[in-house]
Amino acid sequence: MPAILTNRRYCVDLDDILPVENFSDLTIQTLADRLQRTTGAEQCIYRESELDELWRLIDIALKTGSESPRDPEQLHHLRDLVHRAHDLVGMENRPREAAEVLREALLS
């Protein structure tokens, strides 16, 4: 199912990969919500891919010093949380715990 714009947010079926274009709080919350609703190994692979892209964008911002509302220390912490969430969903098949870890980024 293709992405559908609803109330300025993309709604993508859990059996599809959500395009991750930034590491805003809205993006992080959306990915955490998707992790929370994920069931089955195939969907875990899709969530792992989304987290890969989120990690990549954060890493680029750290390496290039791109403008971000977060300072470098916050970006390092965010990247570490994304890595933990990635391992929980990808290696341990625990998407709900991964969602909790990702939500920690919204609190810090």
Protein backbone atom coordinates (compact mmCIF):
# COMPACT_ATOMS: atom_id res chain seq x y z
CA MET A 1 0.00 0.00 0.00
CA PRO A 2 1.46 3.37 -0.95
CA ALA A 3 1.92 6.17 1.57
CA ILE A 4 -1.18 8.28 2.12
CA LEU A 5 -0.96 11.83 3.45
CA THR A 6 -3.41 12.21 6.34
CA ASN A 7 -3.38 15.29 8.56
CA ARG A 8 0.11 16.10 7.25
CA ARG A 9 1.47 12.71 8.34
CA TYR A 10 2.21 9.73 6.18
CA CYS A 11 0.26 6.60 7.01
CA VAL A 12 2.11 3.61 5.68
CA ASP A 13 0.98 0.04 6.11
CA LEU A 14 3.15 -1.87 8.59
CA ASP A 15 3.98 -4.31 5.78
CA ASP A 16 5.75 -1.47 3.95
CA ILE A 17 8.84 0.54 4.79
CA LEU A 18 8.26 4.14 5.84
CA PRO A 19 10.57 6.60 4.08
CA VAL A 20 12.66 8.24 6.83
CA GLU A 21 13.73 11.73 5.76
CA ASN A 22 14.80 13.36 9.04
CA PHE A 23 15.24 12.74 12.76
CA SER A 24 12.60 15.15 14.06
CA ASP A 25 10.54 14.36 17.15
CA LEU A 26 7.57 13.63 14.86
CA THR A 27 9.63 11.09 12.90
CA ILE A 28 10.88 9.43 16.09
CA GLN A 29 7.34 9.25 17.52
CA THR A 30 6.00 7.83 14.26
CA LEU A 31 8.69 5.13 14.21
CA ALA A 32 8.04 4.30 17.87
CA ASP A 33 4.31 3.97 17.13
CA ARG A 34 5.07 1.66 14.20
CA LEU A 35 7.36 -0.46 16.40
CA GLN A 36 4.63 -0.69 19.03
CA ARG A 37 2.19 -2.10 16.45
CA THR A 38 4.68 -4.42 14.76
CA THR A 39 3.96 -8.15 14.75
CA GLY A 40 5.95 -10.89 13.12
CA ALA A 41 9.47 -11.31 11.83
CA GLU A 42 8.90 -9.71 8.43
CA GLN A 43 7.58 -6.49 9.96
CA CYS A 44 10.56 -6.47 12.33
CA ILE A 45 12.85 -6.49 9.30
CA TYR A 46 11.00 -3.46 7.91
CA ARG A 47 11.29 -1.59 11.23
CA GLU A 48 14.99 -2.48 11.38
CA SER A 49 15.42 -0.91 7.95
CA GLU A 50 13.63 2.27 9.07
CA LEU A 51 15.90 2.48 12.11
CA ASP A 52 18.96 1.95 9.88
CA GLU A 53 17.98 5.03 7.91
CA LEU A 54 17.29 7.07 11.06
CA TRP A 55 20.71 6.10 12.43
CA ARG A 56 22.35 7.02 9.12
CA LEU A 57 20.78 10.49 9.10
CA ILE A 58 21.89 11.17 12.67
CA ASP A 59 25.39 9.92 11.88
CA ILE A 60 25.63 12.23 8.86
CA ALA A 61 24.57 15.19 11.02
CA LEU A 62 27.27 14.32 13.54
CA LYS A 63 30.01 13.92 10.93
CA THR A 64 29.15 17.01 8.90
CA GLY A 65 28.12 19.28 11.75
CA SER A 66 24.80 19.86 10.00
CA GLU A 67 22.48 22.35 11.58
CA SER A 68 20.24 20.63 14.09
CA PRO A 69 18.12 21.71 17.06
CA ARG A 70 20.08 19.11 19.04
CA ASP A 71 23.65 19.68 20.19
CA PRO A 72 26.34 17.06 19.41
CA GLU A 73 25.99 15.41 22.83
CA GLN A 74 22.24 15.00 22.29
CA LEU A 75 22.86 13.62 18.80
CA HIS A 76 25.32 11.05 20.16
CA HIS A 77 22.76 10.01 22.78
CA LEU A 78 20.02 9.80 20.14
CA ARG A 79 22.22 7.71 17.86
CA ASP A 80 22.95 5.34 20.77
CA LEU A 81 19.23 4.97 21.54
CA VAL A 82 18.45 4.28 17.88
CA HIS A 83 21.21 1.65 17.84
CA ARG A 84 19.74 -0.03 20.95
CA ALA A 85 16.23 0.03 19.45
CA HIS A 86 17.62 -1.39 16.19
CA ASP A 87 19.24 -4.31 18.01
CA LEU A 88 16.09 -5.01 20.03
CA VAL A 89 13.90 -5.25 16.96
CA GLY A 90 16.45 -6.74 14.57
CA MET A 91 18.38 -9.21 16.70
CA GLU A 92 15.98 -9.95 19.54
CA ASN A 93 12.57 -9.60 17.83
CA ARG A 94 11.35 -7.29 20.62
CA PRO A 95 9.64 -4.37 18.84
CA ARG A 96 7.67 -3.12 21.86
CA GLU A 97 10.84 -2.78 23.92
CA ALA A 98 12.48 -1.07 20.95
CA ALA A 99 9.58 1.42 20.89
CA GLU A 100 10.16 2.20 24.58
CA VAL A 101 13.86 2.83 23.95
CA LEU A 102 13.09 5.09 20.99
CA ARG A 103 10.58 7.08 23.08
CA GLU A 104 13.40 7.80 25.57
CA ALA A 105 14.78 10.13 22.88
CA LEU A 106 11.66 12.24 23.14
CA LEU A 107 12.15 12.69 26.87
CA SER A 108 15.78 13.75 26.75
